[in-house]
C-alpha atoms as a PDB file:
ATOM      1  CA  MET A   1      -4.853  19.877 -15.710  1.00  0.00           C
ATOM      2  CA  THR A   2      -2.766  21.176 -12.840  1.00  0.00           C
ATOM      3  CA  PRO A   3       0.833  22.434 -12.717  1.00  0.00           C
ATOM      4  CA  ALA A   4       3.425  19.694 -12.357  1.00  0.00           C
ATOM      5  CA  HIS A   5       4.210  18.319  -8.916  1.00  0.00           C
ATOM      6  CA  PRO A   6       7.091  15.832  -9.346  1.00  0.00           C
ATOM      7  CA  ALA A   7       6.656  14.109  -5.981  1.00  0.00           C
ATOM      8  CA  LEU A   8       2.937  13.580  -6.528  1.00  0.00           C
ATOM      9  CA  GLU A   9       3.396  12.365 -10.083  1.00  0.00           C
ATOM     10  CA  LYS A  10       6.056   9.843  -9.074  1.00  0.00           C
ATOM     11  CA  LEU A  11       3.990   8.613  -6.157  1.00  0.00           C
ATOM     12  CA  LEU A  12       0.947   8.124  -8.377  1.00  0.00           C
ATOM     13  CA  GLN A  13       3.002   6.289 -10.991  1.00  0.00           C
ATOM     14  CA  LYS A  14       4.574   4.023  -8.410  1.00  0.00           C
ATOM     15  CA  ALA A  15       1.295   3.278  -6.634  1.00  0.00           C
ATOM     16  CA  TYR A  16      -0.454   2.454  -9.909  1.00  0.00           C
ATOM     17  CA  SER A  17       2.107  -0.196 -10.818  1.00  0.00           C
ATOM     18  CA  ALA A  18       2.598  -1.470  -7.267  1.00  0.00           C
ATOM     19  CA  GLU A  19      -1.117  -2.129  -6.853  1.00  0.00           C
ATOM     20  CA  ARG A  20      -0.955  -4.604  -9.730  1.00  0.00           C
ATOM     21  CA  ALA A  21       2.083  -6.278  -8.186  1.00  0.00           C
ATOM     22  CA  ALA A  22       0.169  -6.644  -4.933  1.00  0.00           C
ATOM     23  CA  ALA A  23      -2.859  -8.076  -6.727  1.00  0.00           C
ATOM     24  CA  PHE A  24      -0.675 -10.635  -8.509  1.00  0.00           C
ATOM     25  CA  ALA A  25       0.940 -11.565  -5.193  1.00  0.00           C
ATOM     26  CA  TYR A  26      -2.455 -12.108  -3.572  1.00  0.00           C
ATOM     27  CA  ILE A  27      -3.559 -14.360  -6.411  1.00  0.00           C
ATOM     28  CA  GLY A  28      -0.691 -16.676  -5.547  1.00  0.00           C
ATOM     29  CA  HIS A  29      -1.213 -16.216  -1.827  1.00  0.00           C
ATOM     30  CA  ALA A  30      -4.888 -17.160  -2.011  1.00  0.00           C
ATOM     31  CA  ALA A  31      -4.103 -20.181  -4.178  1.00  0.00           C
ATOM     32  CA  SER A  32      -1.572 -21.405  -1.617  1.00  0.00           C
ATOM     33  CA  LEU A  33      -4.077 -21.378   1.247  1.00  0.00           C
ATOM     34  CA  LYS A  34      -6.253 -24.310   2.244  1.00  0.00           C
ATOM     35  CA  ALA A  35      -8.877 -22.709   4.494  1.00  0.00           C
ATOM     36  CA  PRO A  36     -11.857 -21.418   2.459  1.00  0.00           C
ATOM     37  CA  GLU A  37     -12.291 -18.411   4.758  1.00  0.00           C
ATOM     38  CA  ALA A  38      -8.678 -17.343   4.326  1.00  0.00           C
ATOM     39  CA  LYS A  39      -8.843 -17.855   0.564  1.00  0.00           C
ATOM     40  CA  ALA A  40     -11.939 -15.657   0.374  1.00  0.00           C
ATOM     41  CA  ALA A  41     -10.393 -12.949   2.545  1.00  0.00           C
ATOM     42  CA  VAL A  42      -7.204 -12.726   0.494  1.00  0.00           C
ATOM     43  CA  LYS A  43      -9.246 -12.796  -2.718  1.00  0.00           C
ATOM     44  CA  GLN A  44     -11.222  -9.796  -1.460  1.00  0.00           C
ATOM     45  CA  ILE A  45      -7.984  -7.974  -0.698  1.00  0.00           C
ATOM     46  CA  GLU A  46      -6.822  -8.729  -4.240  1.00  0.00           C
ATOM     47  CA  ASN A  47     -10.055  -7.185  -5.544  1.00  0.00           C
ATOM     48  CA  ASP A  48      -9.438  -4.101  -3.403  1.00  0.00           C
ATOM     49  CA  GLU A  49      -6.008  -3.681  -4.982  1.00  0.00           C
ATOM     50  CA  TRP A  50      -7.461  -3.822  -8.498  1.00  0.00           C
ATOM     51  CA  LYS A  51      -9.996  -1.180  -7.475  1.00  0.00           C
ATOM     52  CA  HIS A  52      -7.240   1.029  -6.088  1.00  0.00           C
ATOM     53  CA  ARG A  53      -5.310   0.665  -9.350  1.00  0.00           C
ATOM     54  CA  GLU A  54      -8.419   1.726 -11.253  1.00  0.00           C
ATOM     55  CA  ASN A  55      -8.837   4.764  -8.998  1.00  0.00           C
ATOM     56  CA  ILE A  56      -5.221   5.801  -9.430  1.00  0.00           C
ATOM     57  CA  LEU A  57      -5.449   5.414 -13.199  1.00  0.00           C
ATOM     58  CA  GLY A  58      -8.294   7.906 -13.112  1.00  0.00           C
ATOM     59  CA  LEU A  59      -6.022  10.390 -11.343  1.00  0.00           C
ATOM     60  CA  LEU A  60      -3.169   9.796 -13.768  1.00  0.00           C
ATOM     61  CA  GLN A  61      -5.476  10.420 -16.714  1.00  0.00           C
ATOM     62  CA  ARG A  62      -7.146  13.399 -15.075  1.00  0.00           C
ATOM     63  CA  TYR A  63      -3.850  15.217 -14.597  1.00  0.00           C
ATOM     64  CA  GLY A  64      -2.053  14.039 -17.710  1.00  0.00           C
ATOM     65  CA  VAL A  65       0.533  11.946 -15.872  1.00  0.00           C
ATOM     66  CA  PRO A  66       1.820   9.076 -18.022  1.00  0.00           C
ATOM     67  CA  VAL A  67       1.987   5.523 -16.747  1.00  0.00           C
ATOM     68  CA  SER A  68       5.610   4.605 -16.073  1.00  0.00           C
ATOM     69  CA  ARG A  69       6.569   1.740 -18.377  1.00  0.00           C
ATOM     70  CA  TRP A  70       9.590   1.019 -16.199  1.00  0.00           C
ATOM     71  CA  ASN A  71       7.422   0.707 -13.100  1.00  0.00           C
ATOM     72  CA  GLU A  72       4.930  -1.452 -14.962  1.00  0.00           C
ATOM     73  CA  VAL A  73       7.602  -3.944 -16.032  1.00  0.00           C
ATOM     74  CA  ARG A  74       9.431  -3.883 -12.713  1.00  0.00           C
ATOM     75  CA  PHE A  75       6.374  -4.376 -10.539  1.00  0.00           C
ATOM     76  CA  TYR A  76       4.867  -6.925 -12.930  1.00  0.00           C
ATOM     77  CA  LEU A  77       7.920  -9.120 -12.451  1.00  0.00           C
ATOM     78  CA  ILE A  78       7.957  -8.536  -8.704  1.00  0.00           C
ATOM     79  CA  GLY A  79       4.287  -9.449  -8.383  1.00  0.00           C
ATOM     80  CA  LYS A  80       4.620 -12.610 -10.444  1.00  0.00           C
ATOM     81  CA  PHE A  81       7.699 -13.700  -8.490  1.00  0.00           C
ATOM     82  CA  ILE A  82       5.979 -13.199  -5.149  1.00  0.00           C
ATOM     83  CA  SER A  83       2.879 -14.973  -6.417  1.00  0.00           C
ATOM     84  CA  ALA A  84       4.899 -18.058  -7.333  1.00  0.00           C
ATOM     85  CA  SER A  85       6.951 -17.983  -4.134  1.00  0.00           C
ATOM     86  CA  CYS A  86       3.834 -18.167  -1.955  1.00  0.00           C
ATOM     87  CA  HIS A  87       3.567 -21.848  -2.873  1.00  0.00           C
ATOM     88  CA  VAL A  88       6.999 -22.733  -1.494  1.00  0.00           C
ATOM     89  CA  ILE A  89       7.773 -20.468   1.492  1.00  0.00           C
ATOM     90  CA  GLY A  90       5.181 -21.755   3.929  1.00  0.00           C
ATOM     91  CA  ARG A  91       2.244 -20.053   5.605  1.00  0.00           C
ATOM     92  CA  PHE A  92       3.896 -17.450   7.826  1.00  0.00           C
ATOM     93  CA  MET A  93       6.014 -15.451   5.391  1.00  0.00           C
ATOM     94  CA  PRO A  94       3.306 -14.604   2.822  1.00  0.00           C
ATOM     95  CA  PHE A  95       1.106 -13.208   5.596  1.00  0.00           C
ATOM     96  CA  PHE A  96       4.011 -11.400   7.262  1.00  0.00           C
ATOM     97  CA  PHE A  97       5.397  -9.681   4.193  1.00  0.00           C
ATOM     98  CA  ALA A  98       1.912  -8.846   2.910  1.00  0.00           C
ATOM     99  CA  GLY A  99       1.213  -7.135   6.219  1.00  0.00           C
ATOM    100  CA  LYS A 100       4.488  -5.252   6.127  1.00  0.00           C
ATOM    101  CA  LEU A 101       3.788  -4.154   2.541  1.00  0.00           C
ATOM    102  CA  GLU A 102       0.292  -2.942   3.371  1.00  0.00           C
ATOM    103  CA  SER A 103       1.641  -1.123   6.411  1.00  0.00           C
ATOM    104  CA  GLY A 104       3.851   0.984   4.172  1.00  0.00           C
ATOM    105  CA  ASN A 105       1.133   1.535   1.588  1.00  0.00           C
ATOM    106  CA  VAL A 106      -1.181   3.205   4.107  1.00  0.00           C
ATOM    107  CA  CYS A 107       0.792   6.433   4.275  1.00  0.00           C
ATOM    108  CA  GLU A 108       1.194   6.745   0.522  1.00  0.00           C
ATOM    109  CA  TYR A 109      -2.444   7.745   0.165  1.00  0.00           C
ATOM    110  CA  PHE A 110      -2.366  10.293   2.966  1.00  0.00           C
ATOM    111  CA  VAL A 111       0.825  11.765   1.506  1.00  0.00           C
ATOM    112  CA  MET A 112      -0.868  11.951  -1.900  1.00  0.00           C
ATOM    113  CA  MET A 113      -3.663  13.876  -0.222  1.00  0.00           C
ATOM    114  CA  ARG A 114      -1.192  16.375   1.237  1.00  0.00           C
ATOM    115  CA  HIS A 115       0.471  16.827  -2.135  1.00  0.00           C
ATOM    116  CA  PHE A 116      -2.914  17.535  -3.727  1.00  0.00           C
ATOM    117  CA  HIS A 117      -3.655  20.014  -0.930  1.00  0.00           C
ATOM    118  CA  SER A 118      -0.413  21.845  -1.736  1.00  0.00           C
ATOM    119  CA  LEU A 119      -1.925  22.415  -5.192  1.00  0.00           C
ATOM    120  CA  GLY A 120      -5.223  23.583  -3.741  1.00  0.00           C
ATOM    121  CA  ILE A 121      -6.995  20.342  -4.722  1.00  0.00           C
ATOM    122  CA  ARG A 122      -9.268  18.667  -2.163  1.00  0.00           C
ATOM    123  CA  GLU A 123     -11.825  16.896  -4.324  1.00  0.00           C
ATOM    124  CA  HIS A 124     -10.003  13.557  -4.031  1.00  0.00           C
ATOM    125  CA  ASP A 125      -9.813  13.577  -0.226  1.00  0.00           C
ATOM    126  CA  ALA A 126     -12.611  11.073   0.388  1.00  0.00           C
ATOM    127  CA  MET A 127     -11.280   8.557  -2.139  1.00  0.00           C
ATOM    128  CA  LEU A 128      -7.676   8.778  -0.926  1.00  0.00           C
ATOM    129  CA  TYR A 129      -8.815   8.555   2.700  1.00  0.00           C
ATOM    130  CA  GLU A 130     -10.865   5.447   1.945  1.00  0.00           C
ATOM    131  CA  MET A 131      -7.962   3.795   0.143  1.00  0.00           C
ATOM    132  CA  GLY A 132      -5.566   4.568   2.985  1.00  0.00           C
ATOM    133  CA  MET A 133      -7.988   3.131   5.532  1.00  0.00           C
ATOM    134  CA  LYS A 134      -8.583   0.072   3.376  1.00  0.00           C
ATOM    135  CA  GLU A 135      -4.840  -0.581   3.260  1.00  0.00           C
ATOM    136  CA  LYS A 136      -4.803  -0.325   7.061  1.00  0.00           C
ATOM    137  CA  GLU A 137      -7.591  -2.896   7.252  1.00  0.00           C
ATOM    138  CA  HIS A 138      -5.481  -5.178   5.072  1.00  0.00           C
ATOM    139  CA  GLU A 139      -2.489  -4.691   7.362  1.00  0.00           C
ATOM    140  CA  VAL A 140      -4.537  -5.569  10.437  1.00  0.00           C
ATOM    141  CA  TYR A 141      -6.019  -8.650   8.766  1.00  0.00           C
ATOM    142  CA  PHE A 142      -2.617 -10.036   7.800  1.00  0.00           C
ATOM    143  CA  LEU A 143      -1.198  -9.325  11.245  1.00  0.00           C
ATOM    144  CA  ASP A 144      -4.092 -11.083  12.949  1.00  0.00           C
ATOM    145  CA  GLN A 145      -3.393 -14.266  10.972  1.00  0.00           C
ATOM    146  CA  ILE A 146       0.126 -14.605  12.389  1.00  0.00           C
ATOM    147  CA  ARG A 147       0.046 -12.570  15.592  1.00  0.00           C
ATOM    148  CA  LYS A 148       0.687 -15.626  17.771  1.00  0.00           C
ATOM    149  CA  ASP A 149       3.094 -17.409  15.441  1.00  0.00           C
ATOM    150  CA  ARG A 150       6.393 -18.401  17.059  1.00  0.00           C
ATOM    151  CA  LEU A 151       8.304 -16.677  14.240  1.00  0.00           C
ATOM    152  CA  MET A 152       6.708 -13.283  14.850  1.00  0.00           C
ATOM    153  CA  PRO A 153       9.136 -11.977  17.519  1.00  0.00           C
ATOM    154  CA  LEU A 154      12.172 -12.756  15.350  1.00  0.00           C
ATOM    155  CA  PHE A 155      10.707 -11.326  12.150  1.00  0.00           C
ATOM    156  CA  GLU A 156       9.473  -8.222  13.957  1.00  0.00           C
ATOM    157  CA  ARG A 157      12.997  -7.530  15.203  1.00  0.00           C
ATOM    158  CA  LEU A 158      14.499  -8.151  11.776  1.00  0.00           C
ATOM    159  CA  PHE A 159      11.979  -6.255   9.650  1.00  0.00           C
ATOM    160  CA  SER A 160      10.556  -3.620  12.034  1.00  0.00           C
ATOM    161  CA  TRP A 161       6.936  -4.615  11.573  1.00  0.00           C
ATOM    162  CA  GLY A 162       4.580  -6.686  13.687  1.00  0.00           C
ATOM    163  CA  LYS A 163       2.570  -6.529  16.889  1.00  0.00           C
ATOM    164  CA  GLU A 164       4.425  -3.513  18.277  1.00  0.00           C
ATOM    165  CA  LYS A 165       5.738  -1.853  15.121  1.00  0.00           C
ATOM    166  CA  SER A 166       4.010  -0.343  12.105  1.00  0.00           C
ATOM    167  CA  ALA A 167       5.018   1.899   9.208  1.00  0.00           C
ATOM    168  CA  ASN A 168       2.057   4.202   9.882  1.00  0.00           C
ATOM    169  CA  ASP A 169       0.244   5.851  12.770  1.00  0.00           C
ATOM    170  CA  VAL A 170      -3.336   5.029  11.743  1.00  0.00           C
ATOM    171  CA  ASP A 171      -5.516   3.453  14.446  1.00  0.00           C
ATOM    172  CA  LEU A 172      -8.758   1.994  13.107  1.00  0.00           C
ATOM    173  CA  GLN A 173     -10.315   2.187  16.555  1.00  0.00           C
ATOM    174  CA  HIS A 174      -9.675   5.922  16.844  1.00  0.00           C
ATOM    175  CA  LYS A 175      -9.792   7.298  13.316  1.00  0.00           C
ATOM    176  CA  HIS A 176      -9.407  10.955  12.458  1.00  0.00           C
ATOM    177  CA  PRO A 177     -12.126  12.184  10.083  1.00  0.00           C
ATOM    178  CA  VAL A 178     -11.279  12.988   6.489  1.00  0.00           C
ATOM    179  CA  GLU A 179     -10.902  16.659   7.394  1.00  0.00           C
ATOM    180  CA  GLY A 180      -8.330  15.820  10.076  1.00  0.00           C
ATOM    181  CA  SER A 181      -6.404  13.184   8.184  1.00  0.00           C
ATOM    182  CA  GLU A 182      -3.472  15.491   7.440  1.00  0.00           C
ATOM    183  CA  ARG A 183      -2.366  14.561  10.954  1.00  0.00           C
ATOM    184  CA  TYR A 184      -1.502  11.091   9.715  1.00  0.00           C
ATOM    185  CA  CYS A 185       1.931  10.048   8.497  1.00  0.00           C
ATOM    186  CA  LYS A 186       3.727  13.330   9.135  1.00  0.00           C
ATOM    187  CA  SER A 187       6.996  11.463   9.616  1.00  0.00           C
ATOM    188  CA  TYR A 188       6.501   9.341   6.479  1.00  0.00           C
ATOM    189  CA  LYS A 189       9.573   8.954   4.343  1.00  0.00           C
ATOM    190  CA  SER A 190       9.958   7.266   0.970  1.00  0.00           C
ATOM    191  CA  HIS A 191      13.318   5.566   0.439  1.00  0.00           C
ATOM    192  CA  GLY A 192      14.786   7.820   3.114  1.00  0.00           C
ATOM    193  CA  ALA A 193      13.619  11.090   1.577  1.00  0.00           C
ATOM    194  CA  ALA A 194      11.191  13.366   3.350  1.00  0.00           C
ATOM    195  CA  ASP A 195       7.824  13.624   1.677  1.00  0.00           C
ATOM    196  CA  ASP A 196       8.185  17.364   1.302  1.00  0.00           C
ATOM    197  CA  ALA A 197      11.263  16.991  -0.901  1.00  0.00           C
ATOM    198  CA  PRO A 198       9.791  16.356  -4.363  1.00  0.00           C
ATOM    199  CA  ASP A 199      13.069  15.940  -6.200  1.00  0.00           C
ATOM    200  CA  ALA A 200      14.302  13.305  -3.747  1.00  0.00           C
ATOM    201  CA  ARG A 201      11.578  10.764  -4.389  1.00  0.00           C
ATOM    202  CA  ASP A 202      12.107   7.482  -6.126  1.00  0.00           C
ATOM    203  CA  GLY A 203       9.292   6.577  -8.486  1.00  0.00           C
END
């Protein structure tokens, strides 16, 4: 085990529970779609989220960080609500808000990596890098499904995500290697608190 790092512990706890919420949401999203290709794509993204949750659980157990019961209940309810809502809010909004969610998730894994580095731990770099890049792939997929939708300009202005705006600075066409990935997400903030302020994080 490693000395406590409150910001890292809270981020791991939150990500573990949020991955299940995302998976639940994608179950409903996939079920609401008609096109077989889209159903399969969203189902694969759901599977990725379950895998990420499994990976994070391994980190929680490795470092003796307990699962947050509060987060588990909160995100369970959120995921189930979103899953049900996908059947009644049309095609655009599930894709849009999934993309916006994934956009924010990207940086969480690169920030986790930096927190581990501050403890002298680099053995998880490859896994965290892969998960961050996978979340970026999800973001790009969801964006591509609605890029030309007439609602996109309005929603992009309202929610600061879309064709011109993203919550991260990862470019899949020009990726930094694992060793250079600390350059990503330097301006990332969680709930308005800088990522280098452990006691300001909301888990």
